Amino acid sequence: MMHWDGGGWAWMAFMPLLWVALIGLVVWAVVRLTHQSGGHGNGPEHRWPQRESPEEILDRRFASGEIDADAYTEARQRLAAHRPRPR
């Protein structure tokens, strides 16, 4: 008489994959729900932080003491000279 083991080895291989998929689904759902209810909106303008302009970066560096007044003034003049003109 033949003995049937019920495919136990297949279940042993399948169960870790099932758990990984289930945990991944839960994490995805939590992230999705928390980002939607954060009140930030879903438009593309809310996906990336606003980039600082070169002038804002320069102002921040001067305010934090990274550069002195002479370097700040010179950099401001260079930025003004290379700023695109409105058409």
PDB file of N, CA and C in Angstrom:
ATOM      1  N   MET A   1       0.836  -1.164   0.000  1.00  0.00           N
ATOM      2  CA  MET A   1       0.000   0.000   0.000  1.00  0.00           C
ATOM      3  C   MET A   1       0.891   1.240   0.000  1.00  0.00           C
ATOM      4  N   MET A   2       0.487   2.243  -0.804  1.00  0.00           N
ATOM      5  CA  MET A   2       1.277   3.459  -0.913  1.00  0.00           C
ATOM      6  C   MET A   2       0.868   4.442   0.173  1.00  0.00           C
ATOM      7  N   HIS A   3       1.859   5.181   0.644  1.00  0.00           N
ATOM      8  CA  HIS A   3       1.609   6.168   1.690  1.00  0.00           C
ATOM      9  C   HIS A   3       1.618   7.563   1.064  1.00  0.00           C
ATOM     10  N   TRP A   4       0.592   8.337   1.334  1.00  0.00           N
ATOM     11  CA  TRP A   4       0.509   9.698   0.808  1.00  0.00           C
ATOM     12  C   TRP A   4       0.787  10.657   1.941  1.00  0.00           C
ATOM     13  N   ASP A   5       1.801  11.544   1.756  1.00  0.00           N
ATOM     14  CA  ASP A   5       2.176  12.444   2.848  1.00  0.00           C
ATOM     15  C   ASP A   5       1.419  13.768   2.800  1.00  0.00           C
ATOM     16  N   GLY A   6       0.558  13.941   1.830  1.00  0.00           N
ATOM     17  CA  GLY A   6      -0.260  15.149   1.781  1.00  0.00           C
ATOM     18  C   GLY A   6       0.474  16.361   1.220  1.00  0.00           C
ATOM     19  N   GLY A   7       1.638  16.187   0.662  1.00  0.00           N
ATOM     20  CA  GLY A   7       2.377  17.321   0.102  1.00  0.00           C
ATOM     21  C   GLY A   7       2.925  18.251   1.163  1.00  0.00           C
ATOM     22  N   GLY A   8       3.346  17.733   2.300  1.00  0.00           N
ATOM     23  CA  GLY A   8       3.835  18.541   3.407  1.00  0.00           C
ATOM     24  C   GLY A   8       5.021  19.398   3.054  1.00  0.00           C
ATOM     25  N   TRP A   9       5.874  18.922   2.195  1.00  0.00           N
ATOM     26  CA  TRP A   9       7.044  19.708   1.813  1.00  0.00           C
ATOM     27  C   TRP A   9       6.637  20.945   1.022  1.00  0.00           C
ATOM     28  N   ALA A  10       5.581  20.832   0.236  1.00  0.00           N
ATOM     29  CA  ALA A  10       5.110  21.980  -0.541  1.00  0.00           C
ATOM     30  C   ALA A  10       4.563  23.068   0.383  1.00  0.00           C
ATOM     31  N   TRP A  11       3.816  22.667   1.406  1.00  0.00           N
ATOM     32  CA  TRP A  11       3.288  23.637   2.372  1.00  0.00           C
ATOM     33  C   TRP A  11       4.412  24.297   3.165  1.00  0.00           C
ATOM     34  N   MET A  12       5.447  23.525   3.482  1.00  0.00           N
ATOM     35  CA  MET A  12       6.569  24.087   4.231  1.00  0.00           C
ATOM     36  C   MET A  12       7.297  25.132   3.392  1.00  0.00           C
ATOM     37  N   ALA A  13       7.345  24.958   2.093  1.00  0.00           N
ATOM     38  CA  ALA A  13       7.979  25.939   1.231  1.00  0.00           C
ATOM     39  C   ALA A  13       7.068  27.139   0.980  1.00  0.00           C
ATOM     40  N   PHE A  14       5.763  26.924   0.974  1.00  0.00           N
ATOM     41  CA  PHE A  14       4.795  27.962   0.654  1.00  0.00           C
ATOM     42  C   PHE A  14       4.495  28.880   1.835  1.00  0.00           C
ATOM     43  N   MET A  15       4.502  28.369   3.040  1.00  0.00           N
ATOM     44  CA  MET A  15       4.104  29.146   4.215  1.00  0.00           C
ATOM     45  C   MET A  15       4.990  30.375   4.460  1.00  0.00           C
ATOM     46  N   PRO A  16       6.314  30.302   4.365  1.00  0.00           N
ATOM     47  CA  PRO A  16       7.098  31.529   4.555  1.00  0.00           C
ATOM     48  C   PRO A  16       6.774  32.600   3.511  1.00  0.00           C
ATOM     49  N   LEU A  17       6.515  32.174   2.285  1.00  0.00           N
ATOM     50  CA  LEU A  17       6.136  33.134   1.253  1.00  0.00           C
ATOM     51  C   LEU A  17       4.797  33.783   1.565  1.00  0.00           C
ATOM     52  N   LEU A  18       3.875  32.996   2.079  1.00  0.00           N
ATOM     53  CA  LEU A  18       2.573  33.523   2.461  1.00  0.00           C
ATOM     54  C   LEU A  18       2.707  34.558   3.575  1.00  0.00           C
ATOM     55  N   TRP A  19       3.536  34.278   4.572  1.00  0.00           N
ATOM     56  CA  TRP A  19       3.732  35.213   5.678  1.00  0.00           C
ATOM     57  C   TRP A  19       4.408  36.501   5.205  1.00  0.00           C
ATOM     58  N   VAL A  20       5.399  36.393   4.348  1.00  0.00           N
ATOM     59  CA  VAL A  20       6.069  37.584   3.827  1.00  0.00           C
ATOM     60  C   VAL A  20       5.074  38.441   3.048  1.00  0.00           C
ATOM     61  N   ALA A  21       4.253  37.812   2.224  1.00  0.00           N
ATOM     62  CA  ALA A  21       3.258  38.547   1.454  1.00  0.00           C
ATOM     63  C   ALA A  21       2.231  39.212   2.374  1.00  0.00           C
ATOM     64  N   LEU A  22       1.801  38.520   3.401  1.00  0.00           N
ATOM     65  CA  LEU A  22       0.819  39.070   4.334  1.00  0.00           C
ATOM     66  C   LEU A  22       1.387  40.253   5.102  1.00  0.00           C
ATOM     67  N   ILE A  23       2.604  40.128   5.590  1.00  0.00           N
ATOM     68  CA  ILE A  23       3.238  41.226   6.326  1.00  0.00           C
ATOM     69  C   ILE A  23       3.469  42.416   5.388  1.00  0.00           C
ATOM     70  N   GLY A  24       3.894  42.148   4.162  1.00  0.00           N
ATOM     71  CA  GLY A  24       4.081  43.221   3.192  1.00  0.00           C
ATOM     72  C   GLY A  24       2.787  43.952   2.888  1.00  0.00           C
ATOM     73  N   LEU A  25       1.703  43.215   2.790  1.00  0.00           N
ATOM     74  CA  LEU A  25       0.402  43.828   2.544  1.00  0.00           C
ATOM     75  C   LEU A  25      -0.016  44.722   3.699  1.00  0.00           C
ATOM     76  N   VAL A  26       0.198  44.283   4.919  1.00  0.00           N
ATOM     77  CA  VAL A  26      -0.151  45.081   6.094  1.00  0.00           C
ATOM     78  C   VAL A  26       0.691  46.357   6.139  1.00  0.00           C
ATOM     79  N   VAL A  27       1.995  46.243   5.898  1.00  0.00           N
ATOM     80  CA  VAL A  27       2.860  47.424   5.907  1.00  0.00           C
ATOM     81  C   VAL A  27       2.437  48.396   4.813  1.00  0.00           C
ATOM     82  N   TRP A  28       2.168  47.893   3.613  1.00  0.00           N
ATOM     83  CA  TRP A  28       1.730  48.746   2.522  1.00  0.00           C
ATOM     84  C   TRP A  28       0.432  49.478   2.892  1.00  0.00           C
ATOM     85  N   ALA A  29      -0.524  48.768   3.491  1.00  0.00           N
ATOM     86  CA  ALA A  29      -1.804  49.374   3.855  1.00  0.00           C
ATOM     87  C   ALA A  29      -1.612  50.464   4.910  1.00  0.00           C
ATOM     88  N   VAL A  30      -0.776  50.209   5.899  1.00  0.00           N
ATOM     89  CA  VAL A  30      -0.545  51.202   6.946  1.00  0.00           C
ATOM     90  C   VAL A  30       0.115  52.452   6.366  1.00  0.00           C
ATOM     91  N   VAL A  31       1.116  52.270   5.522  1.00  0.00           N
ATOM     92  CA  VAL A  31       1.797  53.417   4.915  1.00  0.00           C
ATOM     93  C   VAL A  31       0.829  54.192   4.036  1.00  0.00           C
ATOM     94  N   ARG A  32       0.066  53.496   3.260  1.00  0.00           N
ATOM     95  CA  ARG A  32      -0.893  54.144   2.357  1.00  0.00           C
ATOM     96  C   ARG A  32      -1.938  54.946   3.129  1.00  0.00           C
ATOM     97  N   LEU A  33      -2.463  54.372   4.197  1.00  0.00           N
ATOM     98  CA  LEU A  33      -3.493  55.066   4.976  1.00  0.00           C
ATOM     99  C   LEU A  33      -2.929  56.250   5.740  1.00  0.00           C
ATOM    100  N   THR A  34      -1.729  56.129   6.286  1.00  0.00           N
ATOM    101  CA  THR A  34      -1.166  57.246   7.048  1.00  0.00           C
ATOM    102  C   THR A  34      -0.780  58.396   6.138  1.00  0.00           C
ATOM    103  N   HIS A  35      -0.335  58.144   4.922  1.00  0.00           N
ATOM    104  CA  HIS A  35       0.022  59.229   4.017  1.00  0.00           C
ATOM    105  C   HIS A  35      -1.216  59.926   3.477  1.00  0.00           C
ATOM    106  N   GLN A  36      -2.303  59.222   3.277  1.00  0.00           N
ATOM    107  CA  GLN A  36      -3.521  59.852   2.776  1.00  0.00           C
ATOM    108  C   GLN A  36      -4.196  60.683   3.843  1.00  0.00           C
ATOM    109  N   SER A  37      -4.150  60.249   5.089  1.00  0.00           N
ATOM    110  CA  SER A  37      -4.843  60.974   6.146  1.00  0.00           C
ATOM    111  C   SER A  37      -3.974  62.041   6.775  1.00  0.00           C
ATOM    112  N   GLY A  38      -2.778  62.258   6.247  1.00  0.00           N
ATOM    113  CA  GLY A  38      -1.885  63.248   6.819  1.00  0.00           C
ATOM    114  C   GLY A  38      -2.269  64.674   6.494  1.00  0.00           C
ATOM    115  N   GLY A  39      -3.225  64.879   5.596  1.00  0.00           N
ATOM    116  CA  GLY A  39      -3.668  66.211   5.261  1.00  0.00           C
ATOM    117  C   GLY A  39      -2.736  66.942   4.309  1.00  0.00           C
ATOM    118  N   HIS A  40      -1.825  66.250   3.694  1.00  0.00           N
ATOM    119  CA  HIS A  40      -0.880  66.891   2.792  1.00  0.00           C
ATOM    120  C   HIS A  40      -1.382  66.911   1.358  1.00  0.00           C
ATOM    121  N   GLY A  41      -2.428  66.209   1.052  1.00  0.00           N
ATOM    122  CA  GLY A  41      -2.921  66.142  -0.316  1.00  0.00           C
ATOM    123  C   GLY A  41      -2.206  65.057  -1.087  1.00  0.00           C
ATOM    124  N   ASN A  42      -2.701  64.805  -2.271  1.00  0.00           N
ATOM    125  CA  ASN A  42      -2.132  63.736  -3.082  1.00  0.00           C
ATOM    126  C   ASN A  42      -1.537  64.234  -4.385  1.00  0.00           C
ATOM    127  N   GLY A  43      -1.493  65.543  -4.587  1.00  0.00           N
ATOM    128  CA  GLY A  43      -0.978  66.077  -5.839  1.00  0.00           C
ATOM    129  C   GLY A  43       0.529  65.936  -5.930  1.00  0.00           C
ATOM    130  N   PRO A  44       1.060  66.062  -7.132  1.00  0.00           N
ATOM    131  CA  PRO A  44       2.501  65.908  -7.318  1.00  0.00           C
ATOM    132  C   PRO A  44       3.307  66.989  -6.605  1.00  0.00           C
ATOM    133  N   GLU A  45       2.688  68.148  -6.354  1.00  0.00           N
ATOM    134  CA  GLU A  45       3.416  69.201  -5.674  1.00  0.00           C
ATOM    135  C   GLU A  45       3.680  68.873  -4.206  1.00  0.00           C
ATOM    136  N   HIS A  46       3.008  67.865  -3.670  1.00  0.00           N
ATOM    137  CA  HIS A  46       3.189  67.482  -2.278  1.00  0.00           C
ATOM    138  C   HIS A  46       4.097  66.272  -2.119  1.00  0.00           C
ATOM    139  N   ARG A  47       4.566  65.713  -3.192  1.00  0.00           N
ATOM    140  CA  ARG A  47       5.384  64.500  -3.086  1.00  0.00           C
ATOM    141  C   ARG A  47       6.827  64.809  -2.764  1.00  0.00           C
ATOM    142  N   TRP A  48       7.341  65.945  -3.222  1.00  0.00           N
ATOM    143  CA  TRP A  48       8.745  66.294  -3.009  1.00  0.00           C
ATOM    144  C   TRP A  48       8.810  67.633  -2.302  1.00  0.00           C
ATOM    145  N   PRO A  49       9.763  67.778  -1.407  1.00  0.00           N
ATOM    146  CA  PRO A  49       9.890  69.071  -0.743  1.00  0.00           C
ATOM    147  C   PRO A  49      10.313  70.152  -1.732  1.00  0.00           C
ATOM    148  N   GLN A  50       9.925  71.362  -1.444  1.00  0.00           N
ATOM    149  CA  GLN A  50      10.274  72.490  -2.299  1.00  0.00           C
ATOM    150  C   GLN A  50      11.782  72.705  -2.264  1.00  0.00           C
ATOM    151  N   ARG A  51      12.389  72.872  -3.420  1.00  0.00           N
ATOM    152  CA  ARG A  51      13.835  73.110  -3.491  1.00  0.00           C
ATOM    153  C   ARG A  51      14.132  74.560  -3.165  1.00  0.00           C
ATOM    154  N   GLU A  52      15.243  74.764  -2.469  1.00  0.00           N
ATOM    155  CA  GLU A  52      15.668  76.109  -2.144  1.00  0.00           C
ATOM    156  C   GLU A  52      16.288  76.765  -3.375  1.00  0.00           C
ATOM    157  N   SER A  53      16.041  78.053  -3.514  1.00  0.00           N
ATOM    158  CA  SER A  53      16.697  78.796  -4.585  1.00  0.00           C
ATOM    159  C   SER A  53      18.144  79.052  -4.168  1.00  0.00           C
ATOM    160  N   PRO A  54      19.010  79.378  -5.121  1.00  0.00           N
ATOM    161  CA  PRO A  54      20.395  79.687  -4.751  1.00  0.00           C
ATOM    162  C   PRO A  54      20.491  80.846  -3.753  1.00  0.00           C
ATOM    163  N   GLU A  55      19.607  81.829  -3.902  1.00  0.00           N
ATOM    164  CA  GLU A  55      19.616  82.949  -2.960  1.00  0.00           C
ATOM    165  C   GLU A  55      19.233  82.502  -1.556  1.00  0.00           C
ATOM    166  N   GLU A  56      18.245  81.603  -1.467  1.00  0.00           N
ATOM    167  CA  GLU A  56      17.837  81.092  -0.150  1.00  0.00           C
ATOM    168  C   GLU A  56      18.939  80.281   0.501  1.00  0.00           C
ATOM    169  N   ILE A  57      19.646  79.498  -0.288  1.00  0.00           N
ATOM    170  CA  ILE A  57      20.771  78.722   0.245  1.00  0.00           C
ATOM    171  C   ILE A  57      21.853  79.664   0.760  1.00  0.00           C
ATOM    172  N   LEU A  58      22.132  80.683  -0.023  1.00  0.00           N
ATOM    173  CA  LEU A  58      23.139  81.661   0.377  1.00  0.00           C
ATOM    174  C   LEU A  58      22.717  82.382   1.656  1.00  0.00           C
ATOM    175  N   ASP A  59      21.456  82.792   1.740  1.00  0.00           N
ATOM    176  CA  ASP A  59      20.955  83.451   2.952  1.00  0.00           C
ATOM    177  C   ASP A  59      21.077  82.537   4.172  1.00  0.00           C
ATOM    178  N   ARG A  60      20.722  81.273   3.987  1.00  0.00           N
ATOM    179  CA  ARG A  60      20.794  80.323   5.103  1.00  0.00           C
ATOM    180  C   ARG A  60      22.233  80.120   5.556  1.00  0.00           C
ATOM    181  N   ARG A  61      23.148  79.998   4.621  1.00  0.00           N
ATOM    182  CA  ARG A  61      24.559  79.801   4.974  1.00  0.00           C
ATOM    183  C   ARG A  61      25.126  81.025   5.684  1.00  0.00           C
ATOM    184  N   PHE A  62      24.728  82.222   5.241  1.00  0.00           N
ATOM    185  CA  PHE A  62      25.189  83.438   5.904  1.00  0.00           C
ATOM    186  C   PHE A  62      24.601  83.535   7.313  1.00  0.00           C
ATOM    187  N   ALA A  63      23.322  83.215   7.439  1.00  0.00           N
ATOM    188  CA  ALA A  63      22.668  83.295   8.747  1.00  0.00           C
ATOM    189  C   ALA A  63      23.252  82.289   9.739  1.00  0.00           C
ATOM    190  N   SER A  64      23.688  81.128   9.252  1.00  0.00           N
ATOM    191  CA  SER A  64      24.251  80.122  10.158  1.00  0.00           C
ATOM    192  C   SER A  64      25.726  80.355  10.454  1.00  0.00           C
ATOM    193  N   GLY A  65      26.350  81.338   9.771  1.00  0.00           N
ATOM    194  CA  GLY A  65      27.741  81.649  10.038  1.00  0.00           C
ATOM    195  C   GLY A  65      28.729  80.838   9.213  1.00  0.00           C
ATOM    196  N   GLU A  66      28.263  80.133   8.211  1.00  0.00           N
ATOM    197  CA  GLU A  66      29.164  79.349   7.364  1.00  0.00           C
ATOM    198  C   GLU A  66      30.039  80.245   6.487  1.00  0.00           C
ATOM    199  N   ILE A  67      29.508  81.403   6.102  1.00  0.00           N
ATOM    200  CA  ILE A  67      30.275  82.335   5.279  1.00  0.00           C
ATOM    201  C   ILE A  67      30.226  83.707   5.930  1.00  0.00           C
ATOM    202  N   ASP A  68      31.229  84.532   5.621  1.00  0.00           N
ATOM    203  CA  ASP A  68      31.261  85.877   6.203  1.00  0.00           C
ATOM    204  C   ASP A  68      30.567  86.873   5.269  1.00  0.00           C
ATOM    205  N   ALA A  69      30.503  88.140   5.696  1.00  0.00           N
ATOM    206  CA  ALA A  69      29.770  89.160   4.956  1.00  0.00           C
ATOM    207  C   ALA A  69      30.381  89.410   3.586  1.00  0.00           C
ATOM    208  N   ASP A  70      31.697  89.386   3.486  1.00  0.00           N
ATOM    209  CA  ASP A  70      32.345  89.623   2.187  1.00  0.00           C
ATOM    210  C   ASP A  70      32.004  88.525   1.186  1.00  0.00           C
ATOM    211  N   ALA A  71      32.078  87.277   1.616  1.00  0.00           N
ATOM    212  CA  ALA A  71      31.747  86.155   0.732  1.00  0.00           C
ATOM    213  C   ALA A  71      30.273  86.196   0.347  1.00  0.00           C
ATOM    214  N   TYR A  72      29.419  86.587   1.297  1.00  0.00           N
ATOM    215  CA  TYR A  72      27.988  86.692   1.027  1.00  0.00           C
ATOM    216  C   TYR A  72      27.714  87.749  -0.036  1.00  0.00           C
ATOM    217  N   THR A  73      28.328  88.928   0.127  1.00  0.00           N
ATOM    218  CA  THR A  73      28.117  90.021  -0.821  1.00  0.00           C
ATOM    219  C   THR A  73      28.615  89.644  -2.209  1.00  0.00           C
ATOM    220  N   GLU A  74      29.789  89.043  -2.280  1.00  0.00           N
ATOM    221  CA  GLU A  74      30.344  88.639  -3.570  1.00  0.00           C
ATOM    222  C   GLU A  74      29.461  87.582  -4.248  1.00  0.00           C
ATOM    223  N   ALA A  75      28.997  86.614  -3.482  1.00  0.00           N
ATOM    224  CA  ALA A  75      28.148  85.566  -4.053  1.00  0.00           C
ATOM    225  C   ALA A  75      26.816  86.137  -4.523  1.00  0.00           C
ATOM    226  N   ARG A  76      26.255  87.070  -3.770  1.00  0.00           N
ATOM    227  CA  ARG A  76      25.003  87.705  -4.175  1.00  0.00           C
ATOM    228  C   ARG A  76      25.173  88.449  -5.501  1.00  0.00           C
ATOM    229  N   GLN A  77      26.294  89.137  -5.645  1.00  0.00           N
ATOM    230  CA  GLN A  77      26.550  89.869  -6.885  1.00  0.00           C
ATOM    231  C   GLN A  77      26.711  88.902  -8.061  1.00  0.00           C
ATOM    232  N   ARG A  78      27.403  87.808  -7.835  1.00  0.00           N
ATOM    233  CA  ARG A  78      27.567  86.816  -8.912  1.00  0.00           C
ATOM    234  C   ARG A  78      26.234  86.193  -9.309  1.00  0.00           C
ATOM    235  N   LEU A  79      25.409  85.893  -8.310  1.00  0.00           N
ATOM    236  CA  LEU A  79      24.088  85.327  -8.621  1.00  0.00           C
ATOM    237  C   LEU A  79      23.237  86.319  -9.399  1.00  0.00           C
ATOM    238  N   ALA A  80      23.295  87.592  -9.013  1.00  0.00           N
ATOM    239  CA  ALA A  80      22.507  88.603  -9.706  1.00  0.00           C
ATOM    240  C   ALA A  80      22.984  88.768 -11.146  1.00  0.00           C
ATOM    241  N   ALA A  81      24.284  88.637 -11.375  1.00  0.00           N
ATOM    242  CA  ALA A  81      24.814  88.786 -12.729  1.00  0.00           C
ATOM    243  C   ALA A  81      24.431  87.621 -13.634  1.00  0.00           C
ATOM    244  N   HIS A  82      24.211  86.448 -13.049  1.00  0.00           N
ATOM    245  CA  HIS A  82      23.904  85.254 -13.853  1.00  0.00           C
ATOM    246  C   HIS A  82      22.427  84.865 -13.808  1.00  0.00           C
ATOM    247  N   ARG A  83      21.609  85.689 -13.193  1.00  0.00           N
ATOM    248  CA  ARG A  83      20.175  85.388 -13.096  1.00  0.00           C
ATOM    249  C   ARG A  83      19.542  85.563 -14.473  1.00  0.00           C
ATOM    250  N   PRO A  84      18.707  84.597 -14.888  1.00  0.00           N
ATOM    251  CA  PRO A  84      18.037  84.741 -16.197  1.00  0.00           C
ATOM    252  C   PRO A  84      17.090  85.937 -16.176  1.00  0.00           C
ATOM    253  N   ARG A  85      17.080  86.660 -17.267  1.00  0.00           N
ATOM    254  CA  ARG A  85      16.222  87.851 -17.367  1.00  0.00           C
ATOM    255  C   ARG A  85      14.840  87.429 -17.831  1.00  0.00           C
ATOM    256  N   PRO A  86      13.804  88.074 -17.271  1.00  0.00           N
ATOM    257  CA  PRO A  86      12.434  87.739 -17.730  1.00  0.00           C
ATOM    258  C   PRO A  86      12.215  88.214 -19.161  1.00  0.00           C
ATOM    259  N   ARG A  87      11.421  87.472 -19.900  1.00  0.00           N
ATOM    260  CA  ARG A  87      11.176  87.795 -21.323  1.00  0.00           C
ATOM    261  C   ARG A  87       9.951  88.623 -21.486  1.00  0.00           C
TER     262      ARG A  87
END
